[in-house]
Amino acid sequence: MIVVDGEGRYRIDGPMTLDNVAALLDQGHKVFAPDGRIEVDLGAVGEVDSSACALLLEWLRHARSRGQEIQYRNPPASLATLASLYGVSRYLPLLDASPAGVPAP
């Protein structure tokens, strides 16, 4: 489920798996602001699978097609590991919780 945390800020609560990724994709396209920067906090995401990487890549593609910047904060270690394993970590703007926005491993 996507929770709106403020202007341009969103939070994913719950898993990001094949079971719910299609619903998250649709919900994201509906609730993400049509302009400006998008920041998605992934700190409350528990379970992930490879479909989570596909979802984040699709949201990135969609945002860029509208001239927007999107960032993913606080990714779970398992997501960062999957992104690295599949060779997509360099494409995903995964940031940790530090104020300087240091990329996650």
PDB file of N, CA and C in Angstrom:
ATOM      1  N   MET A   1       0.844  -1.173   0.000  1.00  0.00           N
ATOM      2  CA  MET A   1       0.000   0.000   0.000  1.00  0.00           C
ATOM      3  C   MET A   1       0.891   1.238   0.000  1.00  0.00           C
ATOM      4  N   ILE A   2       0.495   2.249  -0.760  1.00  0.00           N
ATOM      5  CA  ILE A   2       1.223   3.508  -0.818  1.00  0.00           C
ATOM      6  C   ILE A   2       0.526   4.520   0.072  1.00  0.00           C
ATOM      7  N   VAL A   3       1.305   5.139   0.951  1.00  0.00           N
ATOM      8  CA  VAL A   3       0.803   6.157   1.866  1.00  0.00           C
ATOM      9  C   VAL A   3       1.408   7.490   1.451  1.00  0.00           C
ATOM     10  N   VAL A   4       0.578   8.521   1.348  1.00  0.00           N
ATOM     11  CA  VAL A   4       1.063   9.859   1.024  1.00  0.00           C
ATOM     12  C   VAL A   4       1.571  10.496   2.313  1.00  0.00           C
ATOM     13  N   ASP A   5       2.853  10.882   2.325  1.00  0.00           N
ATOM     14  CA  ASP A   5       3.481  11.468   3.509  1.00  0.00           C
ATOM     15  C   ASP A   5       3.651  12.980   3.398  1.00  0.00           C
ATOM     16  N   GLY A   6       3.218  13.556   2.334  1.00  0.00           N
ATOM     17  CA  GLY A   6       3.377  14.997   2.126  1.00  0.00           C
ATOM     18  C   GLY A   6       3.568  15.255   0.652  1.00  0.00           C
ATOM     19  N   GLU A   7       3.762  16.496   0.320  1.00  0.00           N
ATOM     20  CA  GLU A   7       3.901  16.863  -1.089  1.00  0.00           C
ATOM     21  C   GLU A   7       5.131  16.203  -1.704  1.00  0.00           C
ATOM     22  N   GLY A   8       4.887  15.319  -2.643  1.00  0.00           N
ATOM     23  CA  GLY A   8       5.964  14.625  -3.327  1.00  0.00           C
ATOM     24  C   GLY A   8       6.611  13.508  -2.535  1.00  0.00           C
ATOM     25  N   ARG A   9       6.106  13.226  -1.345  1.00  0.00           N
ATOM     26  CA  ARG A   9       6.686  12.181  -0.486  1.00  0.00           C
ATOM     27  C   ARG A   9       5.672  11.071  -0.254  1.00  0.00           C
ATOM     28  N   TYR A  10       6.153   9.834  -0.431  1.00  0.00           N
ATOM     29  CA  TYR A  10       5.283   8.664  -0.329  1.00  0.00           C
ATOM     30  C   TYR A  10       6.010   7.577   0.443  1.00  0.00           C
ATOM     31  N   ARG A  11       5.253   6.643   1.000  1.00  0.00           N
ATOM     32  CA  ARG A  11       5.810   5.536   1.759  1.00  0.00           C
ATOM     33  C   ARG A  11       5.102   4.251   1.341  1.00  0.00           C
ATOM     34  N   ILE A  12       5.877   3.201   1.150  1.00  0.00           N
ATOM     35  CA  ILE A  12       5.317   1.887   0.853  1.00  0.00           C
ATOM     36  C   ILE A  12       5.246   1.120   2.167  1.00  0.00           C
ATOM     37  N   ASP A  13       4.069   0.661   2.520  1.00  0.00           N
ATOM     38  CA  ASP A  13       3.866  -0.157   3.712  1.00  0.00           C
ATOM     39  C   ASP A  13       3.491  -1.563   3.268  1.00  0.00           C
ATOM     40  N   GLY A  14       4.306  -2.531   3.643  1.00  0.00           N
ATOM     41  CA  GLY A  14       4.006  -3.910   3.307  1.00  0.00           C
ATOM     42  C   GLY A  14       4.972  -4.474   2.297  1.00  0.00           C
ATOM     43  N   PRO A  15       4.681  -5.653   1.807  1.00  0.00           N
ATOM     44  CA  PRO A  15       5.586  -6.329   0.882  1.00  0.00           C
ATOM     45  C   PRO A  15       5.536  -5.738  -0.529  1.00  0.00           C
ATOM     46  N   MET A  16       6.596  -6.005  -1.269  1.00  0.00           N
ATOM     47  CA  MET A  16       6.649  -5.685  -2.701  1.00  0.00           C
ATOM     48  C   MET A  16       7.008  -6.989  -3.400  1.00  0.00           C
ATOM     49  N   THR A  17       5.972  -7.769  -3.693  1.00  0.00           N
ATOM     50  CA  THR A  17       6.176  -9.089  -4.289  1.00  0.00           C
ATOM     51  C   THR A  17       5.236  -9.263  -5.477  1.00  0.00           C
ATOM     52  N   LEU A  18       5.422 -10.345  -6.169  1.00  0.00           N
ATOM     53  CA  LEU A  18       4.594 -10.641  -7.329  1.00  0.00           C
ATOM     54  C   LEU A  18       3.104 -10.603  -6.991  1.00  0.00           C
ATOM     55  N   ASP A  19       2.767 -10.939  -5.759  1.00  0.00           N
ATOM     56  CA  ASP A  19       1.357 -10.947  -5.344  1.00  0.00           C
ATOM     57  C   ASP A  19       0.707  -9.567  -5.355  1.00  0.00           C
ATOM     58  N   ASN A  20       1.491  -8.499  -5.147  1.00  0.00           N
ATOM     59  CA  ASN A  20       0.870  -7.174  -5.055  1.00  0.00           C
ATOM     60  C   ASN A  20       1.525  -6.109  -5.924  1.00  0.00           C
ATOM     61  N   VAL A  21       2.531  -6.476  -6.700  1.00  0.00           N
ATOM     62  CA  VAL A  21       3.252  -5.462  -7.466  1.00  0.00           C
ATOM     63  C   VAL A  21       2.371  -4.789  -8.530  1.00  0.00           C
ATOM     64  N   ALA A  22       1.453  -5.490  -9.138  1.00  0.00           N
ATOM     65  CA  ALA A  22       0.567  -4.874 -10.136  1.00  0.00           C
ATOM     66  C   ALA A  22      -0.323  -3.818  -9.483  1.00  0.00           C
ATOM     67  N   ALA A  23      -0.824  -4.119  -8.299  1.00  0.00           N
ATOM     68  CA  ALA A  23      -1.654  -3.141  -7.584  1.00  0.00           C
ATOM     69  C   ALA A  23      -0.825  -1.925  -7.181  1.00  0.00           C
ATOM     70  N   LEU A  24       0.429  -2.149  -6.736  1.00  0.00           N
ATOM     71  CA  LEU A  24       1.299  -1.019  -6.384  1.00  0.00           C
ATOM     72  C   LEU A  24       1.623  -0.171  -7.607  1.00  0.00           C
ATOM     73  N   LEU A  25       1.824  -0.814  -8.741  1.00  0.00           N
ATOM     74  CA  LEU A  25       2.096  -0.077  -9.976  1.00  0.00           C
ATOM     75  C   LEU A  25       0.937   0.851 -10.303  1.00  0.00           C
ATOM     76  N   ASP A  26      -0.266   0.326 -10.300  1.00  0.00           N
ATOM     77  CA  ASP A  26      -1.453   1.139 -10.589  1.00  0.00           C
ATOM     78  C   ASP A  26      -1.638   2.248  -9.565  1.00  0.00           C
ATOM     79  N   GLN A  27      -1.482   1.899  -8.296  1.00  0.00           N
ATOM     80  CA  GLN A  27      -1.668   2.896  -7.247  1.00  0.00           C
ATOM     81  C   GLN A  27      -0.632   4.010  -7.380  1.00  0.00           C
ATOM     82  N   GLY A  28       0.603   3.662  -7.663  1.00  0.00           N
ATOM     83  CA  GLY A  28       1.643   4.670  -7.844  1.00  0.00           C
ATOM     84  C   GLY A  28       1.330   5.620  -8.976  1.00  0.00           C
ATOM     85  N   HIS A  29       0.892   5.090 -10.098  1.00  0.00           N
ATOM     86  CA  HIS A  29       0.544   5.946 -11.232  1.00  0.00           C
ATOM     87  C   HIS A  29      -0.616   6.886 -10.895  1.00  0.00           C
ATOM     88  N   LYS A  30      -1.473   6.464  -9.976  1.00  0.00           N
ATOM     89  CA  LYS A  30      -2.620   7.298  -9.596  1.00  0.00           C
ATOM     90  C   LYS A  30      -2.273   8.342  -8.534  1.00  0.00           C
ATOM     91  N   VAL A  31      -1.437   7.985  -7.553  1.00  0.00           N
ATOM     92  CA  VAL A  31      -1.213   8.902  -6.427  1.00  0.00           C
ATOM     93  C   VAL A  31       0.035   9.766  -6.558  1.00  0.00           C
ATOM     94  N   PHE A  32       1.025   9.351  -7.342  1.00  0.00           N
ATOM     95  CA  PHE A  32       2.217  10.170  -7.476  1.00  0.00           C
ATOM     96  C   PHE A  32       1.853  11.491  -8.144  1.00  0.00           C
ATOM     97  N   ALA A  33       2.400  12.563  -7.600  1.00  0.00           N
ATOM     98  CA  ALA A  33       2.136  13.901  -8.135  1.00  0.00           C
ATOM     99  C   ALA A  33       2.500  13.944  -9.619  1.00  0.00           C
ATOM    100  N   PRO A  34       1.714  14.664 -10.405  1.00  0.00           N
ATOM    101  CA  PRO A  34       1.963  14.701 -11.851  1.00  0.00           C
ATOM    102  C   PRO A  34       3.174  15.543 -12.244  1.00  0.00           C
ATOM    103  N   ASP A  35       3.697  16.320 -11.314  1.00  0.00           N
ATOM    104  CA  ASP A  35       4.885  17.113 -11.598  1.00  0.00           C
ATOM    105  C   ASP A  35       5.707  17.255 -10.322  1.00  0.00           C
ATOM    106  N   GLY A  36       6.924  17.717 -10.469  1.00  0.00           N
ATOM    107  CA  GLY A  36       7.792  17.855  -9.305  1.00  0.00           C
ATOM    108  C   GLY A  36       8.528  16.573  -8.983  1.00  0.00           C
ATOM    109  N   ARG A  37       9.247  16.623  -7.905  1.00  0.00           N
ATOM    110  CA  ARG A  37      10.066  15.508  -7.454  1.00  0.00           C
ATOM    111  C   ARG A  37       9.221  14.496  -6.685  1.00  0.00           C
ATOM    112  N   ILE A  38       9.564  13.217  -6.832  1.00  0.00           N
ATOM    113  CA  ILE A  38       8.886  12.128  -6.117  1.00  0.00           C
ATOM    114  C   ILE A  38       9.926  11.432  -5.248  1.00  0.00           C
ATOM    115  N   GLU A  39       9.600  11.272  -3.986  1.00  0.00           N
ATOM    116  CA  GLU A  39      10.468  10.554  -3.052  1.00  0.00           C
ATOM    117  C   GLU A  39       9.646   9.431  -2.422  1.00  0.00           C
ATOM    118  N   VAL A  40      10.113   8.204  -2.578  1.00  0.00           N
ATOM    119  CA  VAL A  40       9.407   7.034  -2.067  1.00  0.00           C
ATOM    120  C   VAL A  40      10.245   6.391  -0.967  1.00  0.00           C
ATOM    121  N   ASP A  41       9.697   6.335   0.237  1.00  0.00           N
ATOM    122  CA  ASP A  41      10.374   5.720   1.379  1.00  0.00           C
ATOM    123  C   ASP A  41      10.031   4.229   1.398  1.00  0.00           C
ATOM    124  N   LEU A  42      11.059   3.411   1.354  1.00  0.00           N
ATOM    125  CA  LEU A  42      10.884   1.957   1.332  1.00  0.00           C
ATOM    126  C   LEU A  42      11.212   1.320   2.684  1.00  0.00           C
ATOM    127  N   GLY A  43      11.377   2.129   3.710  1.00  0.00           N
ATOM    128  CA  GLY A  43      11.779   1.632   5.017  1.00  0.00           C
ATOM    129  C   GLY A  43      10.795   0.679   5.668  1.00  0.00           C
ATOM    130  N   ALA A  44       9.522   0.757   5.313  1.00  0.00           N
ATOM    131  CA  ALA A  44       8.503  -0.118   5.908  1.00  0.00           C
ATOM    132  C   ALA A  44       8.211  -1.346   5.049  1.00  0.00           C
ATOM    133  N   VAL A  45       8.995  -1.538   3.987  1.00  0.00           N
ATOM    134  CA  VAL A  45       8.818  -2.708   3.130  1.00  0.00           C
ATOM    135  C   VAL A  45       9.493  -3.892   3.798  1.00  0.00           C
ATOM    136  N   GLY A  46       8.744  -4.960   3.968  1.00  0.00           N
ATOM    137  CA  GLY A  46       9.302  -6.148   4.596  1.00  0.00           C
ATOM    138  C   GLY A  46       9.853  -7.116   3.573  1.00  0.00           C
ATOM    139  N   GLU A  47       8.986  -7.729   2.838  1.00  0.00           N
ATOM    140  CA  GLU A  47       9.346  -8.780   1.886  1.00  0.00           C
ATOM    141  C   GLU A  47       9.453  -8.205   0.480  1.00  0.00           C
ATOM    142  N   VAL A  48      10.482  -8.627  -0.247  1.00  0.00           N
ATOM    143  CA  VAL A  48      10.638  -8.244  -1.651  1.00  0.00           C
ATOM    144  C   VAL A  48      11.014  -9.470  -2.469  1.00  0.00           C
ATOM    145  N   ASP A  49      10.742  -9.382  -3.752  1.00  0.00           N
ATOM    146  CA  ASP A  49      11.255 -10.365  -4.703  1.00  0.00           C
ATOM    147  C   ASP A  49      11.666  -9.594  -5.952  1.00  0.00           C
ATOM    148  N   SER A  50      12.027 -10.294  -6.997  1.00  0.00           N
ATOM    149  CA  SER A  50      12.543  -9.622  -8.197  1.00  0.00           C
ATOM    150  C   SER A  50      11.532  -8.667  -8.827  1.00  0.00           C
ATOM    151  N   SER A  51      10.251  -8.891  -8.592  1.00  0.00           N
ATOM    152  CA  SER A  51       9.247  -7.990  -9.163  1.00  0.00           C
ATOM    153  C   SER A  51       9.341  -6.590  -8.556  1.00  0.00           C
ATOM    154  N   ALA A  52       9.912  -6.464  -7.355  1.00  0.00           N
ATOM    155  CA  ALA A  52      10.099  -5.146  -6.741  1.00  0.00           C
ATOM    156  C   ALA A  52      11.062  -4.315  -7.582  1.00  0.00           C
ATOM    157  N   CYS A  53      12.120  -4.920  -8.084  1.00  0.00           N
ATOM    158  CA  CYS A  53      13.058  -4.211  -8.955  1.00  0.00           C
ATOM    159  C   CYS A  53      12.352  -3.743 -10.225  1.00  0.00           C
ATOM    160  N   ALA A  54      11.547  -4.618 -10.800  1.00  0.00           N
ATOM    161  CA  ALA A  54      10.806  -4.258 -12.010  1.00  0.00           C
ATOM    162  C   ALA A  54       9.850  -3.094 -11.743  1.00  0.00           C
ATOM    163  N   LEU A  55       9.194  -3.116 -10.599  1.00  0.00           N
ATOM    164  CA  LEU A  55       8.280  -2.034 -10.232  1.00  0.00           C
ATOM    165  C   LEU A  55       9.023  -0.709 -10.112  1.00  0.00           C
ATOM    166  N   LEU A  56      10.133  -0.697  -9.402  1.00  0.00           N
ATOM    167  CA  LEU A  56      10.887   0.544  -9.230  1.00  0.00           C
ATOM    168  C   LEU A  56      11.421   1.070 -10.555  1.00  0.00           C
ATOM    169  N   LEU A  57      11.854   0.163 -11.427  1.00  0.00           N
ATOM    170  CA  LEU A  57      12.310   0.579 -12.755  1.00  0.00           C
ATOM    171  C   LEU A  57      11.166   1.173 -13.570  1.00  0.00           C
ATOM    172  N   GLU A  58       9.978   0.605 -13.463  1.00  0.00           N
ATOM    173  CA  GLU A  58       8.829   1.130 -14.201  1.00  0.00           C
ATOM    174  C   GLU A  58       8.420   2.501 -13.674  1.00  0.00           C
ATOM    175  N   TRP A  59       8.392   2.660 -12.346  1.00  0.00           N
ATOM    176  CA  TRP A  59       8.085   3.982 -11.791  1.00  0.00           C
ATOM    177  C   TRP A  59       9.125   5.009 -12.234  1.00  0.00           C
ATOM    178  N   LEU A  60      10.396   4.599 -12.293  1.00  0.00           N
ATOM    179  CA  LEU A  60      11.455   5.483 -12.759  1.00  0.00           C
ATOM    180  C   LEU A  60      11.222   5.877 -14.211  1.00  0.00           C
ATOM    181  N   ARG A  61      10.915   4.907 -15.046  1.00  0.00           N
ATOM    182  CA  ARG A  61      10.650   5.182 -16.467  1.00  0.00           C
ATOM    183  C   ARG A  61       9.478   6.131 -16.620  1.00  0.00           C
ATOM    184  N   HIS A  62       8.420   5.874 -15.869  1.00  0.00           N
ATOM    185  CA  HIS A  62       7.215   6.701 -15.952  1.00  0.00           C
ATOM    186  C   HIS A  62       7.510   8.133 -15.494  1.00  0.00           C
ATOM    187  N   ALA A  63       8.231   8.278 -14.391  1.00  0.00           N
ATOM    188  CA  ALA A  63       8.573   9.613 -13.889  1.00  0.00           C
ATOM    189  C   ALA A  63       9.416  10.372 -14.907  1.00  0.00           C
ATOM    190  N   ARG A  64      10.417   9.714 -15.443  1.00  0.00           N
ATOM    191  CA  ARG A  64      11.285  10.382 -16.427  1.00  0.00           C
ATOM    192  C   ARG A  64      10.529  10.769 -17.690  1.00  0.00           C
ATOM    193  N   SER A  65       9.553   9.959 -18.075  1.00  0.00           N
ATOM    194  CA  SER A  65       8.769  10.291 -19.274  1.00  0.00           C
ATOM    195  C   SER A  65       7.965  11.568 -19.067  1.00  0.00           C
ATOM    196  N   ARG A  66       7.724  11.916 -17.798  1.00  0.00           N
ATOM    197  CA  ARG A  66       6.999  13.146 -17.474  1.00  0.00           C
ATOM    198  C   ARG A  66       7.944  14.261 -17.013  1.00  0.00           C
ATOM    199  N   GLY A  67       9.245  14.037 -17.158  1.00  0.00           N
ATOM    200  CA  GLY A  67      10.227  15.035 -16.774  1.00  0.00           C
ATOM    201  C   GLY A  67      10.420  15.173 -15.276  1.00  0.00           C
ATOM    202  N   GLN A  68      10.126  14.111 -14.535  1.00  0.00           N
ATOM    203  CA  GLN A  68      10.237  14.139 -13.080  1.00  0.00           C
ATOM    204  C   GLN A  68      11.459  13.378 -12.600  1.00  0.00           C
ATOM    205  N   GLU A  69      11.884  13.734 -11.398  1.00  0.00           N
ATOM    206  CA  GLU A  69      12.937  12.996 -10.710  1.00  0.00           C
ATOM    207  C   GLU A  69      12.263  12.138  -9.653  1.00  0.00           C
ATOM    208  N   ILE A  70      12.731  10.907  -9.505  1.00  0.00           N
ATOM    209  CA  ILE A  70      12.205  10.022  -8.463  1.00  0.00           C
ATOM    210  C   ILE A  70      13.381   9.426  -7.709  1.00  0.00           C
ATOM    211  N   GLN A  71      13.230   9.322  -6.398  1.00  0.00           N
ATOM    212  CA  GLN A  71      14.249   8.718  -5.553  1.00  0.00           C
ATOM    213  C   GLN A  71      13.577   7.727  -4.612  1.00  0.00           C
ATOM    214  N   TYR A  72      14.318   6.666  -4.306  1.00  0.00           N
ATOM    215  CA  TYR A  72      13.839   5.643  -3.383  1.00  0.00           C
ATOM    216  C   TYR A  72      14.727   5.672  -2.145  1.00  0.00           C
ATOM    217  N   ARG A  73      14.141   5.975  -1.003  1.00  0.00           N
ATOM    218  CA  ARG A  73      14.890   6.080   0.251  1.00  0.00           C
ATOM    219  C   ARG A  73      14.697   4.824   1.106  1.00  0.00           C
ATOM    220  N   ASN A  74      15.708   4.544   1.913  1.00  0.00           N
ATOM    221  CA  ASN A  74      15.661   3.459   2.900  1.00  0.00           C
ATOM    222  C   ASN A  74      15.301   2.094   2.314  1.00  0.00           C
ATOM    223  N   PRO A  75      15.938   1.687   1.231  1.00  0.00           N
ATOM    224  CA  PRO A  75      15.604   0.372   0.673  1.00  0.00           C
ATOM    225  C   PRO A  75      16.039  -0.735   1.631  1.00  0.00           C
ATOM    226  N   PRO A  76      15.232  -1.777   1.758  1.00  0.00           N
ATOM    227  CA  PRO A  76      15.675  -2.911   2.570  1.00  0.00           C
ATOM    228  C   PRO A  76      16.925  -3.534   1.938  1.00  0.00           C
ATOM    229  N   ALA A  77      17.758  -4.097   2.764  1.00  0.00           N
ATOM    230  CA  ALA A  77      19.004  -4.712   2.275  1.00  0.00           C
ATOM    231  C   ALA A  77      18.720  -5.764   1.208  1.00  0.00           C
ATOM    232  N   SER A  78      17.624  -6.490   1.379  1.00  0.00           N
ATOM    233  CA  SER A  78      17.292  -7.540   0.404  1.00  0.00           C
ATOM    234  C   SER A  78      17.004  -6.952  -0.976  1.00  0.00           C
ATOM    235  N   LEU A  79      16.418  -5.759  -1.028  1.00  0.00           N
ATOM    236  CA  LEU A  79      16.146  -5.113  -2.314  1.00  0.00           C
ATOM    237  C   LEU A  79      17.442  -4.645  -2.961  1.00  0.00           C
ATOM    238  N   ALA A  80      18.320  -4.042  -2.178  1.00  0.00           N
ATOM    239  CA  ALA A  80      19.615  -3.608  -2.699  1.00  0.00           C
ATOM    240  C   ALA A  80      20.409  -4.803  -3.223  1.00  0.00           C
ATOM    241  N   THR A  81      20.324  -5.921  -2.516  1.00  0.00           N
ATOM    242  CA  THR A  81      21.015  -7.144  -2.938  1.00  0.00           C
ATOM    243  C   THR A  81      20.450  -7.660  -4.255  1.00  0.00           C
ATOM    244  N   LEU A  82      19.125  -7.695  -4.365  1.00  0.00           N
ATOM    245  CA  LEU A  82      18.497  -8.147  -5.620  1.00  0.00           C
ATOM    246  C   LEU A  82      18.863  -7.231  -6.780  1.00  0.00           C
ATOM    247  N   ALA A  83      18.816  -5.929  -6.551  1.00  0.00           N
ATOM    248  CA  ALA A  83      19.146  -4.965  -7.612  1.00  0.00           C
ATOM    249  C   ALA A  83      20.581  -5.179  -8.089  1.00  0.00           C
ATOM    250  N   SER A  84      21.486  -5.425  -7.153  1.00  0.00           N
ATOM    251  CA  SER A  84      22.874  -5.685  -7.516  1.00  0.00           C
ATOM    252  C   SER A  84      23.009  -7.007  -8.268  1.00  0.00           C
ATOM    253  N   LEU A  85      22.339  -8.034  -7.766  1.00  0.00           N
ATOM    254  CA  LEU A  85      22.380  -9.353  -8.393  1.00  0.00           C
ATOM    255  C   LEU A  85      21.899  -9.302  -9.848  1.00  0.00           C
ATOM    256  N   TYR A  86      20.838  -8.553 -10.097  1.00  0.00           N
ATOM    257  CA  TYR A  86      20.271  -8.455 -11.449  1.00  0.00           C
ATOM    258  C   TYR A  86      20.926  -7.371 -12.296  1.00  0.00           C
ATOM    259  N   GLY A  87      21.908  -6.668 -11.734  1.00  0.00           N
ATOM    260  CA  GLY A  87      22.647  -5.670 -12.499  1.00  0.00           C
ATOM    261  C   GLY A  87      21.889  -4.388 -12.768  1.00  0.00           C
ATOM    262  N   VAL A  88      20.907  -4.070 -11.935  1.00  0.00           N
ATOM    263  CA  VAL A  88      20.130  -2.851 -12.156  1.00  0.00           C
ATOM    264  C   VAL A  88      20.353  -1.795 -11.076  1.00  0.00           C
ATOM    265  N   SER A  89      21.216  -2.072 -10.111  1.00  0.00           N
ATOM    266  CA  SER A  89      21.404  -1.130  -9.008  1.00  0.00           C
ATOM    267  C   SER A  89      21.914   0.220  -9.497  1.00  0.00           C
ATOM    268  N   ARG A  90      22.703   0.246 -10.562  1.00  0.00           N
ATOM    269  CA  ARG A  90      23.215   1.533 -11.065  1.00  0.00           C
ATOM    270  C   ARG A  90      22.126   2.379 -11.713  1.00  0.00           C
ATOM    271  N   TYR A  91      21.012   1.770 -12.063  1.00  0.00           N
ATOM    272  CA  TYR A  91      19.906   2.510 -12.677  1.00  0.00           C
ATOM    273  C   TYR A  91      18.898   3.023 -11.658  1.00  0.00           C
ATOM    274  N   LEU A  92      18.852   2.374 -10.499  1.00  0.00           N
ATOM    275  CA  LEU A  92      17.862   2.730  -9.483  1.00  0.00           C
ATOM    276  C   LEU A  92      18.426   3.759  -8.512  1.00  0.00           C
ATOM    277  N   PRO A  93      17.733   4.873  -8.334  1.00  0.00           N
ATOM    278  CA  PRO A  93      18.178   5.883  -7.375  1.00  0.00           C
ATOM    279  C   PRO A  93      17.819   5.473  -5.943  1.00  0.00           C
ATOM    280  N   LEU A  94      18.561   4.479  -5.424  1.00  0.00           N
ATOM    281  CA  LEU A  94      18.331   3.963  -4.068  1.00  0.00           C
ATOM    282  C   LEU A  94      19.188   4.763  -3.099  1.00  0.00           C
ATOM    283  N   LEU A  95      18.554   5.446  -2.166  1.00  0.00           N
ATOM    284  CA  LEU A  95      19.264   6.263  -1.192  1.00  0.00           C
ATOM    285  C   LEU A  95      18.988   5.770   0.209  1.00  0.00           C
ATOM    286  N   ASP A  96      19.996   5.903   1.070  1.00  0.00           N
ATOM    287  CA  ASP A  96      19.776   5.515   2.458  1.00  0.00           C
ATOM    288  C   ASP A  96      19.162   6.686   3.218  1.00  0.00           C
ATOM    289  N   ALA A  97      19.076   6.569   4.516  1.00  0.00           N
ATOM    290  CA  ALA A  97      18.416   7.565   5.335  1.00  0.00           C
ATOM    291  C   ALA A  97      19.308   8.741   5.722  1.00  0.00           C
ATOM    292  N   SER A  98      20.564   8.728   5.287  1.00  0.00           N
ATOM    293  CA  SER A  98      21.465   9.790   5.705  1.00  0.00           C
ATOM    294  C   SER A  98      21.062  11.124   5.073  1.00  0.00           C
ATOM    295  N   PRO A  99      21.287  12.230   5.782  1.00  0.00           N
ATOM    296  CA  PRO A  99      20.906  13.535   5.267  1.00  0.00           C
ATOM    297  C   PRO A  99      21.609  13.891   3.968  1.00  0.00           C
ATOM    298  N   ALA A 100      22.806  13.368   3.769  1.00  0.00           N
ATOM    299  CA  ALA A 100      23.532  13.684   2.550  1.00  0.00           C
ATOM    300  C   ALA A 100      23.039  12.885   1.359  1.00  0.00           C
ATOM    301  N   GLY A 101      22.169  11.918   1.586  1.00  0.00           N
ATOM    302  CA  GLY A 101      21.627  11.112   0.491  1.00  0.00           C
ATOM    303  C   GLY A 101      22.662  10.199  -0.118  1.00  0.00           C
ATOM    304  N   VAL A 102      23.479   9.605   0.704  1.00  0.00           N
ATOM    305  CA  VAL A 102      24.518   8.702   0.224  1.00  0.00           C
ATOM    306  C   VAL A 102      23.853   7.458  -0.350  1.00  0.00           C
ATOM    307  N   PRO A 103      24.232   7.044  -1.567  1.00  0.00           N
ATOM    308  CA  PRO A 103      23.610   5.858  -2.155  1.00  0.00           C
ATOM    309  C   PRO A 103      23.770   4.628  -1.275  1.00  0.00           C
ATOM    310  N   ALA A 104      22.747   3.822  -1.246  1.00  0.00           N
ATOM    311  CA  ALA A 104      22.784   2.564  -0.502  1.00  0.00           C
ATOM    312  C   ALA A 104      23.684   1.582  -1.208  1.00  0.00           C
ATOM    313  N   PRO A 105      24.248   0.604  -0.498  1.00  0.00           N
ATOM    314  CA  PRO A 105      25.124  -0.387  -1.142  1.00  0.00           C
ATOM    315  C   PRO A 105      24.374  -1.244  -2.137  1.00  0.00           C
TER     316      PRO A 105
END
